[in-house]
Amino acid sequence: MAFEFEKTKLPGVVIIRPQVHGDSRGYFMETYKKEEFAAAGIAGEFVQDNESSSSKGVLRGLHFQKNHTQGKLVRVTEGKVFDVAVDVRPGSETYGQWTGVVLSSEEKNMFYIPEGFAHGFLVLSDHAAFVYKCTDVYDPSSEGGVPWNDPDIAVEWPELDVAYKTSEKDGKHPSFRDQDFTWAKKYL
């Protein structure tokens, strides 16, 4: 097996640790293997890859798409982030709950966030390069989000020695309790 899969308290959200082969020249690792991921319950087809670069304190999220809903396999190729998934599937036993993991280029771990979840991350290092595979294409007309500091979700973001940096758009999302998440019911 090239990967170790660890379930989280949220159904379908998985922490993934690849087997890393290293020596004095560097390292090699597989970052995705369809058969092993499918055996672990991650069977969606990835159709788009994305990469972002951010500085310390940048907080992106909590994002989702109502149409063209995306499952995401995320990892950090440089630096360290605190990555978060929030269950937005009405009727789920974990509706409104979150889980998080520190992802780092040093540890080379990954995180899978399925469709029906909001996603966000906070950069903990001076710089981070964040890479993710998506099960559907980006569709700006269906994007949505929940405030990163929504009191009903109450994500415990790590404290930093710099202020969080968020986008103007992320500051305009309606609260969790004021949104209609019926689009996410089909992912139960």
N, C-alpha and C. Protein backbone atom coordinates (compact mmCIF):
# COMPACT_ATOMS: atom_id res chain seq x y z
N MET A 1 0.84 -1.19 0.00
CA MET A 1 0.00 0.00 0.00
C MET A 1 0.89 1.25 0.00
N ALA A 2 0.54 2.18 -0.85
CA ALA A 2 1.30 3.43 -0.95
C ALA A 2 0.75 4.50 0.00
N PHE A 3 -0.42 4.24 0.62
CA PHE A 3 -1.07 5.25 1.45
C PHE A 3 -1.64 4.65 2.72
N GLU A 4 -1.71 5.49 3.76
CA GLU A 4 -2.42 5.16 4.98
C GLU A 4 -3.58 6.14 5.06
N PHE A 5 -4.81 5.61 5.22
CA PHE A 5 -6.01 6.42 5.25
C PHE A 5 -6.55 6.44 6.68
N GLU A 6 -6.78 7.63 7.22
CA GLU A 6 -7.31 7.79 8.57
C GLU A 6 -8.65 8.53 8.51
N LYS A 7 -9.70 7.85 8.97
CA LYS A 7 -11.02 8.48 9.02
C LYS A 7 -11.03 9.57 10.09
N THR A 8 -11.87 10.57 9.88
CA THR A 8 -12.06 11.63 10.87
C THR A 8 -13.46 11.50 11.46
N LYS A 9 -13.83 12.40 12.32
CA LYS A 9 -15.17 12.35 12.92
C LYS A 9 -16.26 12.70 11.91
N LEU A 10 -15.89 13.28 10.77
CA LEU A 10 -16.86 13.61 9.72
C LEU A 10 -16.84 12.53 8.65
N PRO A 11 -17.98 11.90 8.37
CA PRO A 11 -18.03 10.81 7.39
C PRO A 11 -17.50 11.25 6.02
N GLY A 12 -16.56 10.49 5.49
CA GLY A 12 -16.01 10.77 4.17
C GLY A 12 -14.80 11.68 4.17
N VAL A 13 -14.58 12.42 5.24
CA VAL A 13 -13.42 13.29 5.34
C VAL A 13 -12.26 12.44 5.86
N VAL A 14 -11.15 12.43 5.11
CA VAL A 14 -10.07 11.48 5.37
C VAL A 14 -8.71 12.19 5.37
N ILE A 15 -7.86 11.83 6.34
CA ILE A 15 -6.47 12.25 6.35
C ILE A 15 -5.67 11.14 5.67
N ILE A 16 -4.79 11.52 4.76
CA ILE A 16 -4.05 10.54 3.98
C ILE A 16 -2.55 10.77 4.17
N ARG A 17 -1.85 9.69 4.47
CA ARG A 17 -0.40 9.76 4.63
C ARG A 17 0.24 8.87 3.57
N PRO A 18 0.97 9.47 2.63
CA PRO A 18 1.62 8.66 1.60
C PRO A 18 2.89 8.02 2.12
N GLN A 19 3.27 6.93 1.49
CA GLN A 19 4.56 6.30 1.79
C GLN A 19 5.63 7.10 1.05
N VAL A 20 6.61 7.61 1.79
CA VAL A 20 7.65 8.45 1.21
C VAL A 20 8.96 7.67 1.20
N HIS A 21 9.60 7.60 0.05
CA HIS A 21 10.88 6.91 -0.12
C HIS A 21 11.95 7.99 -0.28
N GLY A 22 12.86 8.05 0.68
CA GLY A 22 13.88 9.08 0.61
C GLY A 22 15.28 8.56 0.85
N ASP A 23 16.23 9.28 0.31
CA ASP A 23 17.64 9.00 0.56
C ASP A 23 18.41 10.32 0.42
N SER A 24 19.71 10.25 0.30
CA SER A 24 20.53 11.46 0.25
C SER A 24 20.25 12.32 -0.98
N ARG A 25 19.62 11.74 -1.98
CA ARG A 25 19.30 12.49 -3.20
C ARG A 25 18.00 13.26 -3.11
N GLY A 26 17.13 12.89 -2.17
CA GLY A 26 15.81 13.52 -2.06
C GLY A 26 14.76 12.48 -1.72
N TYR A 27 13.58 12.60 -2.29
CA TYR A 27 12.51 11.66 -1.99
C TYR A 27 11.63 11.41 -3.21
N PHE A 28 10.81 10.36 -3.12
CA PHE A 28 9.80 10.04 -4.11
C PHE A 28 8.56 9.57 -3.35
N MET A 29 7.39 9.97 -3.85
CA MET A 29 6.13 9.49 -3.29
C MET A 29 5.05 9.55 -4.35
N GLU A 30 4.09 8.67 -4.23
CA GLU A 30 2.90 8.73 -5.06
C GLU A 30 1.92 9.67 -4.36
N THR A 31 1.24 10.52 -5.12
CA THR A 31 0.28 11.44 -4.51
C THR A 31 -1.17 11.04 -4.78
N TYR A 32 -1.37 10.08 -5.68
CA TYR A 32 -2.71 9.59 -5.95
C TYR A 32 -2.59 8.26 -6.68
N LYS A 33 -3.43 7.32 -6.28
CA LYS A 33 -3.50 6.02 -6.95
C LYS A 33 -4.97 5.62 -6.92
N LYS A 34 -5.62 5.65 -8.05
CA LYS A 34 -7.07 5.46 -8.16
C LYS A 34 -7.58 4.24 -7.40
N GLU A 35 -6.92 3.10 -7.58
CA GLU A 35 -7.40 1.86 -6.97
C GLU A 35 -7.35 1.93 -5.43
N GLU A 36 -6.27 2.43 -4.88
CA GLU A 36 -6.15 2.51 -3.42
C GLU A 36 -7.12 3.54 -2.84
N PHE A 37 -7.29 4.66 -3.52
CA PHE A 37 -8.23 5.66 -3.03
C PHE A 37 -9.66 5.12 -3.09
N ALA A 38 -10.02 4.44 -4.17
CA ALA A 38 -11.36 3.86 -4.29
C ALA A 38 -11.61 2.84 -3.18
N ALA A 39 -10.61 2.01 -2.88
CA ALA A 39 -10.75 1.03 -1.80
C ALA A 39 -10.95 1.70 -0.45
N ALA A 40 -10.47 2.93 -0.31
CA ALA A 40 -10.63 3.69 0.94
C ALA A 40 -11.90 4.54 0.93
N GLY A 41 -12.74 4.41 -0.12
CA GLY A 41 -14.00 5.14 -0.19
C GLY A 41 -13.91 6.47 -0.92
N ILE A 42 -12.78 6.77 -1.54
CA ILE A 42 -12.61 8.01 -2.30
C ILE A 42 -12.62 7.63 -3.77
N ALA A 43 -13.82 7.59 -4.34
CA ALA A 43 -13.97 7.02 -5.68
C ALA A 43 -14.29 8.05 -6.75
N GLY A 44 -14.42 9.33 -6.40
CA GLY A 44 -14.74 10.34 -7.39
C GLY A 44 -13.62 10.51 -8.40
N GLU A 45 -14.00 10.93 -9.60
CA GLU A 45 -13.00 11.18 -10.64
C GLU A 45 -12.52 12.63 -10.51
N PHE A 46 -11.23 12.81 -10.48
CA PHE A 46 -10.67 14.16 -10.41
C PHE A 46 -10.56 14.74 -11.81
N VAL A 47 -11.06 15.97 -12.00
CA VAL A 47 -11.13 16.57 -13.33
C VAL A 47 -10.40 17.91 -13.42
N GLN A 48 -9.95 18.45 -12.30
CA GLN A 48 -9.27 19.74 -12.32
C GLN A 48 -8.26 19.80 -11.19
N ASP A 49 -7.07 20.33 -11.47
CA ASP A 49 -6.04 20.55 -10.45
C ASP A 49 -5.85 22.04 -10.28
N ASN A 50 -5.67 22.47 -9.02
CA ASN A 50 -5.47 23.88 -8.70
C ASN A 50 -4.26 24.03 -7.79
N GLU A 51 -3.69 25.23 -7.78
CA GLU A 51 -2.59 25.55 -6.88
C GLU A 51 -2.73 27.00 -6.45
N SER A 52 -2.47 27.25 -5.17
CA SER A 52 -2.46 28.63 -4.68
C SER A 52 -1.19 28.86 -3.86
N SER A 53 -0.81 30.11 -3.78
CA SER A 53 0.35 30.52 -3.00
C SER A 53 -0.12 31.61 -2.05
N SER A 54 0.26 31.49 -0.78
CA SER A 54 -0.22 32.43 0.22
C SER A 54 0.85 32.68 1.28
N SER A 55 0.76 33.82 1.93
CA SER A 55 1.69 34.16 3.00
C SER A 55 1.06 33.87 4.37
N LYS A 56 1.89 33.93 5.38
CA LYS A 56 1.46 33.63 6.75
C LYS A 56 0.25 34.48 7.14
N GLY A 57 -0.74 33.83 7.73
CA GLY A 57 -1.93 34.52 8.19
C GLY A 57 -3.06 34.57 7.18
N VAL A 58 -2.80 34.19 5.93
CA VAL A 58 -3.87 34.18 4.93
C VAL A 58 -4.85 33.07 5.31
N LEU A 59 -6.12 33.44 5.38
CA LEU A 59 -7.19 32.50 5.70
C LEU A 59 -8.15 32.50 4.52
N ARG A 60 -8.25 31.36 3.86
CA ARG A 60 -9.14 31.21 2.70
C ARG A 60 -10.29 30.29 3.09
N GLY A 61 -11.51 30.75 2.89
CA GLY A 61 -12.66 29.90 3.20
C GLY A 61 -13.61 30.56 4.17
N LEU A 62 -14.60 29.86 4.44
CA LEU A 62 -14.94 28.45 4.19
C LEU A 62 -15.78 28.38 2.91
N HIS A 63 -15.31 27.71 1.89
CA HIS A 63 -15.91 27.74 0.56
C HIS A 63 -16.60 26.43 0.18
N PHE A 64 -17.57 26.55 -0.75
CA PHE A 64 -18.24 25.41 -1.36
C PHE A 64 -18.82 25.88 -2.68
N GLN A 65 -19.25 24.93 -3.51
CA GLN A 65 -20.00 25.23 -4.74
C GLN A 65 -21.33 24.49 -4.65
N LYS A 66 -22.42 25.21 -4.96
CA LYS A 66 -23.75 24.61 -4.90
C LYS A 66 -24.02 23.70 -6.09
N ASN A 67 -23.56 24.11 -7.26
CA ASN A 67 -23.59 23.29 -8.48
C ASN A 67 -22.13 22.99 -8.79
N HIS A 68 -21.90 22.02 -9.62
CA HIS A 68 -20.51 21.63 -9.88
C HIS A 68 -19.78 21.43 -8.54
N THR A 69 -20.47 20.79 -7.61
CA THR A 69 -19.95 20.57 -6.26
C THR A 69 -18.65 19.77 -6.34
N GLN A 70 -17.67 20.21 -5.58
CA GLN A 70 -16.34 19.61 -5.66
C GLN A 70 -15.95 18.82 -4.43
N GLY A 71 -15.47 17.60 -4.67
CA GLY A 71 -14.68 16.90 -3.68
C GLY A 71 -13.25 17.37 -3.89
N LYS A 72 -12.47 17.50 -2.83
CA LYS A 72 -11.11 18.04 -2.97
C LYS A 72 -10.10 17.16 -2.25
N LEU A 73 -9.02 16.85 -2.94
CA LEU A 73 -7.87 16.18 -2.35
C LEU A 73 -6.79 17.25 -2.26
N VAL A 74 -6.47 17.66 -1.02
CA VAL A 74 -5.58 18.81 -0.83
C VAL A 74 -4.27 18.40 -0.16
N ARG A 75 -3.21 19.15 -0.49
CA ARG A 75 -1.91 18.93 0.13
C ARG A 75 -1.09 20.20 0.02
N VAL A 76 -0.04 20.26 0.80
CA VAL A 76 0.85 21.42 0.82
C VAL A 76 2.21 20.98 0.28
N THR A 77 2.70 21.69 -0.74
CA THR A 77 4.00 21.35 -1.32
C THR A 77 5.12 22.24 -0.78
N GLU A 78 4.74 23.31 -0.11
CA GLU A 78 5.72 24.18 0.54
C GLU A 78 5.04 24.83 1.74
N GLY A 79 5.64 24.70 2.93
CA GLY A 79 5.10 25.36 4.12
C GLY A 79 4.15 24.50 4.92
N LYS A 80 3.24 25.20 5.64
CA LYS A 80 2.33 24.51 6.57
C LYS A 80 1.02 25.30 6.67
N VAL A 81 -0.10 24.57 6.67
CA VAL A 81 -1.43 25.18 6.83
C VAL A 81 -2.26 24.38 7.82
N PHE A 82 -3.27 25.04 8.37
CA PHE A 82 -4.32 24.37 9.14
C PHE A 82 -5.51 24.28 8.22
N ASP A 83 -5.91 23.06 7.86
CA ASP A 83 -6.96 22.83 6.87
C ASP A 83 -8.23 22.35 7.56
N VAL A 84 -9.39 22.84 7.10
CA VAL A 84 -10.66 22.60 7.77
C VAL A 84 -11.74 22.15 6.79
N ALA A 85 -12.55 21.18 7.23
CA ALA A 85 -13.75 20.75 6.51
C ALA A 85 -14.94 20.93 7.44
N VAL A 86 -16.07 21.41 6.88
CA VAL A 86 -17.31 21.63 7.64
C VAL A 86 -18.45 20.90 6.94
N ASP A 87 -19.17 20.09 7.66
CA ASP A 87 -20.31 19.35 7.10
C ASP A 87 -21.49 20.31 6.93
N VAL A 88 -21.93 20.51 5.67
CA VAL A 88 -23.08 21.39 5.41
C VAL A 88 -24.25 20.60 4.82
N ARG A 89 -24.30 19.29 5.09
CA ARG A 89 -25.36 18.43 4.58
C ARG A 89 -26.51 18.34 5.59
N PRO A 90 -27.62 19.05 5.33
CA PRO A 90 -28.76 18.98 6.26
C PRO A 90 -29.22 17.54 6.45
N GLY A 91 -29.47 17.18 7.68
CA GLY A 91 -29.89 15.82 8.00
C GLY A 91 -28.74 14.91 8.41
N SER A 92 -27.52 15.35 8.18
CA SER A 92 -26.37 14.56 8.59
C SER A 92 -26.22 14.62 10.11
N GLU A 93 -25.76 13.52 10.70
CA GLU A 93 -25.51 13.51 12.15
C GLU A 93 -24.42 14.49 12.55
N THR A 94 -23.58 14.89 11.59
CA THR A 94 -22.48 15.82 11.89
C THR A 94 -22.68 17.19 11.24
N TYR A 95 -23.93 17.49 10.85
CA TYR A 95 -24.27 18.77 10.22
C TYR A 95 -23.78 19.94 11.09
N GLY A 96 -23.02 20.85 10.47
CA GLY A 96 -22.52 22.02 11.18
C GLY A 96 -21.25 21.77 11.97
N GLN A 97 -20.75 20.54 11.98
CA GLN A 97 -19.52 20.24 12.70
C GLN A 97 -18.32 20.37 11.77
N TRP A 98 -17.17 20.56 12.37
CA TRP A 98 -15.93 20.73 11.60
C TRP A 98 -14.86 19.79 12.12
N THR A 99 -13.88 19.56 11.28
CA THR A 99 -12.67 18.88 11.67
C THR A 99 -11.51 19.55 10.95
N GLY A 100 -10.33 19.49 11.54
CA GLY A 100 -9.18 20.14 10.94
C GLY A 100 -7.92 19.32 11.11
N VAL A 101 -6.94 19.62 10.28
CA VAL A 101 -5.65 18.93 10.32
C VAL A 101 -4.56 19.89 9.87
N VAL A 102 -3.38 19.76 10.44
CA VAL A 102 -2.24 20.52 9.96
C VAL A 102 -1.63 19.74 8.80
N LEU A 103 -1.52 20.39 7.65
CA LEU A 103 -0.88 19.81 6.48
C LEU A 103 0.46 20.52 6.29
N SER A 104 1.50 19.76 5.98
CA SER A 104 2.80 20.40 5.79
C SER A 104 3.60 19.72 4.69
N SER A 105 4.48 20.49 4.08
CA SER A 105 5.37 19.91 3.07
C SER A 105 6.34 18.94 3.72
N GLU A 106 6.65 19.17 4.98
CA GLU A 106 7.57 18.28 5.69
C GLU A 106 6.92 16.91 5.93
N GLU A 107 5.66 16.93 6.39
CA GLU A 107 4.97 15.67 6.68
C GLU A 107 4.40 15.01 5.43
N LYS A 108 4.10 15.82 4.40
CA LYS A 108 3.59 15.35 3.11
C LYS A 108 2.22 14.67 3.21
N ASN A 109 1.47 14.98 4.27
CA ASN A 109 0.14 14.41 4.42
C ASN A 109 -0.86 15.14 3.53
N MET A 110 -2.02 14.51 3.32
CA MET A 110 -3.08 15.05 2.47
C MET A 110 -4.41 14.96 3.22
N PHE A 111 -5.41 15.64 2.67
CA PHE A 111 -6.73 15.69 3.29
C PHE A 111 -7.74 15.59 2.17
N TYR A 112 -8.74 14.70 2.33
CA TYR A 112 -9.81 14.61 1.35
C TYR A 112 -11.09 15.17 1.96
N ILE A 113 -11.69 16.14 1.25
CA ILE A 113 -12.95 16.76 1.65
C ILE A 113 -13.98 16.43 0.57
N PRO A 114 -15.00 15.61 0.86
CA PRO A 114 -15.96 15.22 -0.17
C PRO A 114 -16.97 16.32 -0.49
N GLU A 115 -17.76 16.07 -1.51
CA GLU A 115 -18.86 16.95 -1.86
C GLU A 115 -19.80 17.06 -0.66
N GLY A 116 -20.41 18.23 -0.48
CA GLY A 116 -21.31 18.44 0.64
C GLY A 116 -20.63 19.01 1.87
N PHE A 117 -19.40 19.45 1.71
CA PHE A 117 -18.64 20.05 2.81
C PHE A 117 -18.08 21.39 2.37
N ALA A 118 -17.99 22.32 3.32
CA ALA A 118 -17.28 23.57 3.08
C ALA A 118 -15.81 23.34 3.44
N HIS A 119 -14.93 24.14 2.86
CA HIS A 119 -13.50 23.94 3.04
C HIS A 119 -12.78 25.27 3.20
N GLY A 120 -11.76 25.27 4.04
CA GLY A 120 -10.93 26.46 4.19
C GLY A 120 -9.59 26.11 4.81
N PHE A 121 -8.65 27.06 4.74
CA PHE A 121 -7.35 26.83 5.38
C PHE A 121 -6.72 28.14 5.81
N LEU A 122 -5.84 28.02 6.81
CA LEU A 122 -5.07 29.13 7.36
C LEU A 122 -3.59 28.81 7.21
N VAL A 123 -2.82 29.75 6.66
CA VAL A 123 -1.38 29.53 6.47
C VAL A 123 -0.65 29.80 7.78
N LEU A 124 0.09 28.79 8.24
CA LEU A 124 0.81 28.86 9.51
C LEU A 124 2.29 29.24 9.32
N SER A 125 2.86 28.95 8.17
CA SER A 125 4.28 29.22 7.89
C SER A 125 4.41 30.57 7.18
N ASP A 126 5.64 31.01 6.98
CA ASP A 126 5.86 32.29 6.29
C ASP A 126 5.26 32.30 4.89
N HIS A 127 5.25 31.14 4.25
CA HIS A 127 4.68 31.00 2.91
C HIS A 127 4.17 29.57 2.78
N ALA A 128 3.14 29.40 1.96
CA ALA A 128 2.65 28.04 1.69
C ALA A 128 2.18 27.94 0.24
N ALA A 129 2.52 26.82 -0.38
CA ALA A 129 1.99 26.46 -1.69
C ALA A 129 1.00 25.33 -1.46
N PHE A 130 -0.22 25.52 -1.89
CA PHE A 130 -1.34 24.63 -1.62
C PHE A 130 -1.83 24.06 -2.94
N VAL A 131 -1.89 22.73 -3.05
CA VAL A 131 -2.27 22.06 -4.30
C VAL A 131 -3.49 21.20 -4.03
N TYR A 132 -4.46 21.22 -4.96
CA TYR A 132 -5.62 20.36 -4.76
C TYR A 132 -6.22 19.88 -6.07
N LYS A 133 -6.69 18.64 -6.00
CA LYS A 133 -7.40 17.99 -7.10
C LYS A 133 -8.89 18.10 -6.79
N CYS A 134 -9.69 18.37 -7.83
CA CYS A 134 -11.14 18.55 -7.64
C CYS A 134 -11.93 17.57 -8.50
N THR A 135 -13.09 17.14 -7.98
CA THR A 135 -13.94 16.21 -8.71
C THR A 135 -14.88 16.90 -9.68
N ASP A 136 -14.88 18.23 -9.71
CA ASP A 136 -15.66 18.97 -10.71
C ASP A 136 -14.94 20.28 -10.97
N VAL A 137 -15.35 20.94 -12.03
CA VAL A 137 -14.70 22.18 -12.44
C VAL A 137 -15.16 23.35 -11.56
N TYR A 138 -14.33 24.37 -11.51
CA TYR A 138 -14.68 25.60 -10.80
C TYR A 138 -15.78 26.31 -11.58
N ASP A 139 -16.82 26.73 -10.88
CA ASP A 139 -17.95 27.44 -11.48
C ASP A 139 -18.25 28.67 -10.63
N PRO A 140 -17.78 29.85 -11.06
CA PRO A 140 -17.97 31.05 -10.23
C PRO A 140 -19.43 31.36 -9.94
N SER A 141 -20.35 30.94 -10.81
CA SER A 141 -21.77 31.25 -10.59
C SER A 141 -22.39 30.42 -9.46
N SER A 142 -21.71 29.35 -9.03
CA SER A 142 -22.30 28.52 -7.98
C SER A 142 -21.49 28.54 -6.68
N GLU A 143 -20.50 29.43 -6.60
CA GLU A 143 -19.68 29.45 -5.39
C GLU A 143 -20.45 30.06 -4.22
N GLY A 144 -20.12 29.59 -3.05
CA GLY A 144 -20.72 30.08 -1.82
C GLY A 144 -19.73 29.92 -0.69
N GLY A 145 -20.15 30.36 0.47
CA GLY A 145 -19.27 30.23 1.62
C GLY A 145 -19.96 30.55 2.92
N VAL A 146 -19.26 30.23 3.97
CA VAL A 146 -19.68 30.51 5.34
C VAL A 146 -18.57 31.34 5.97
N PRO A 147 -18.88 32.32 6.79
CA PRO A 147 -17.81 33.09 7.43
C PRO A 147 -16.84 32.18 8.19
N TRP A 148 -15.56 32.46 8.06
CA TRP A 148 -14.53 31.65 8.72
C TRP A 148 -14.71 31.65 10.23
N ASN A 149 -15.31 32.70 10.76
CA ASN A 149 -15.49 32.84 12.21
C ASN A 149 -16.94 32.70 12.64
N ASP A 150 -17.74 31.97 11.89
CA ASP A 150 -19.15 31.79 12.21
C ASP A 150 -19.29 31.15 13.60
N PRO A 151 -20.05 31.78 14.51
CA PRO A 151 -20.15 31.26 15.87
C PRO A 151 -20.89 29.93 15.99
N ASP A 152 -21.74 29.60 15.04
CA ASP A 152 -22.46 28.32 15.10
C ASP A 152 -21.56 27.15 14.72
N ILE A 153 -20.52 27.41 13.94
CA ILE A 153 -19.56 26.36 13.58
C ILE A 153 -18.41 26.36 14.58
N ALA A 154 -17.94 27.54 14.94
CA ALA A 154 -16.91 27.73 15.97
C ALA A 154 -15.61 26.95 15.70
N VAL A 155 -15.06 27.13 14.49
CA VAL A 155 -13.77 26.52 14.19
C VAL A 155 -12.73 27.11 15.14
N GLU A 156 -11.91 26.26 15.68
CA GLU A 156 -10.82 26.69 16.59
C GLU A 156 -9.56 26.91 15.76
N TRP A 157 -9.49 28.06 15.11
CA TRP A 157 -8.33 28.40 14.29
C TRP A 157 -7.12 28.65 15.19
N PRO A 158 -5.96 28.23 14.78
CA PRO A 158 -4.75 28.49 15.58
C PRO A 158 -4.47 29.99 15.70
N GLU A 159 -3.95 30.38 16.84
CA GLU A 159 -3.55 31.77 17.03
C GLU A 159 -2.17 31.95 16.40
N LEU A 160 -1.97 33.11 15.78
CA LEU A 160 -0.71 33.41 15.13
C LEU A 160 -0.14 34.72 15.67
N ASP A 161 1.10 35.00 15.34
CA ASP A 161 1.72 36.26 15.74
C ASP A 161 1.49 37.36 14.71
N VAL A 162 0.62 37.09 13.72
CA VAL A 162 0.20 38.09 12.73
C VAL A 162 -1.33 38.03 12.65
N ALA A 163 -1.92 39.12 12.16
CA ALA A 163 -3.38 39.15 11.98
C ALA A 163 -3.77 38.26 10.80
N TYR A 164 -4.96 37.66 10.88
CA TYR A 164 -5.48 36.88 9.76
C TYR A 164 -5.73 37.83 8.59
N LYS A 165 -5.48 37.34 7.38
CA LYS A 165 -5.72 38.11 6.16
C LYS A 165 -6.79 37.36 5.36
N THR A 166 -7.94 37.99 5.22
CA THR A 166 -9.04 37.37 4.49
C THR A 166 -9.42 38.24 3.30
N SER A 167 -10.13 37.68 2.35
CA SER A 167 -10.57 38.46 1.19
C SER A 167 -11.84 39.23 1.53
N GLU A 168 -12.08 40.27 0.77
CA GLU A 168 -13.31 41.06 0.94
C GLU A 168 -14.53 40.17 0.68
N LYS A 169 -14.42 39.31 -0.34
CA LYS A 169 -15.52 38.40 -0.69
C LYS A 169 -15.84 37.46 0.47
N ASP A 170 -14.81 36.91 1.13
CA ASP A 170 -15.06 35.99 2.24
C ASP A 170 -15.73 36.68 3.42
N GLY A 171 -15.58 37.99 3.53
CA GLY A 171 -16.23 38.74 4.60
C GLY A 171 -17.70 39.01 4.36
N LYS A 172 -18.21 38.63 3.20
CA LYS A 172 -19.61 38.92 2.84
C LYS A 172 -20.52 37.70 2.83
N HIS A 173 -19.99 36.53 3.20
CA HIS A 173 -20.83 35.33 3.21
C HIS A 173 -21.89 35.42 4.31
N PRO A 174 -23.12 34.96 4.02
CA PRO A 174 -24.15 34.91 5.06
C PRO A 174 -23.77 33.89 6.14
N SER A 175 -24.32 34.05 7.31
CA SER A 175 -24.03 33.14 8.41
C SER A 175 -24.52 31.73 8.07
N PHE A 176 -23.96 30.76 8.78
CA PHE A 176 -24.34 29.36 8.59
C PHE A 176 -25.84 29.18 8.77
N ARG A 177 -26.41 29.74 9.83
CA ARG A 177 -27.83 29.53 10.12
C ARG A 177 -28.75 30.23 9.13
N ASP A 178 -28.22 31.20 8.36
CA ASP A 178 -29.04 31.94 7.40
C ASP A 178 -28.95 31.39 5.98
N GLN A 179 -28.36 30.22 5.81
CA GLN A 179 -28.20 29.67 4.47
C GLN A 179 -29.08 28.45 4.26
N ASP A 180 -29.40 28.22 2.99
CA ASP A 180 -30.17 27.04 2.58
C ASP A 180 -29.19 26.05 1.95
N PHE A 181 -28.94 24.97 2.64
CA PHE A 181 -28.00 23.97 2.16
C PHE A 181 -28.69 22.74 1.55
N THR A 182 -29.94 22.90 1.10
CA THR A 182 -30.65 21.74 0.56
C THR A 182 -29.91 21.12 -0.62
N TRP A 183 -29.11 21.89 -1.34
CA TRP A 183 -28.32 21.37 -2.46
C TRP A 183 -27.38 20.24 -2.00
N ALA A 184 -26.98 20.28 -0.72
CA ALA A 184 -26.00 19.31 -0.20
C ALA A 184 -26.63 18.02 0.33
N LYS A 185 -27.98 17.96 0.42
CA LYS A 185 -28.65 16.77 0.93
C LYS A 185 -28.34 15.52 0.12
N LYS A 186 -28.14 15.70 -1.18
CA LYS A 186 -27.90 14.53 -2.04
C LYS A 186 -26.58 13.83 -1.72
N TYR A 187 -25.74 14.43 -0.88
CA TYR A 187 -24.46 13.82 -0.55
C TYR A 187 -24.49 13.06 0.77
N LEU A 188 -25.69 12.84 1.31
CA LEU A 188 -25.83 12.04 2.54
C LEU A 188 -25.63 10.57 2.25
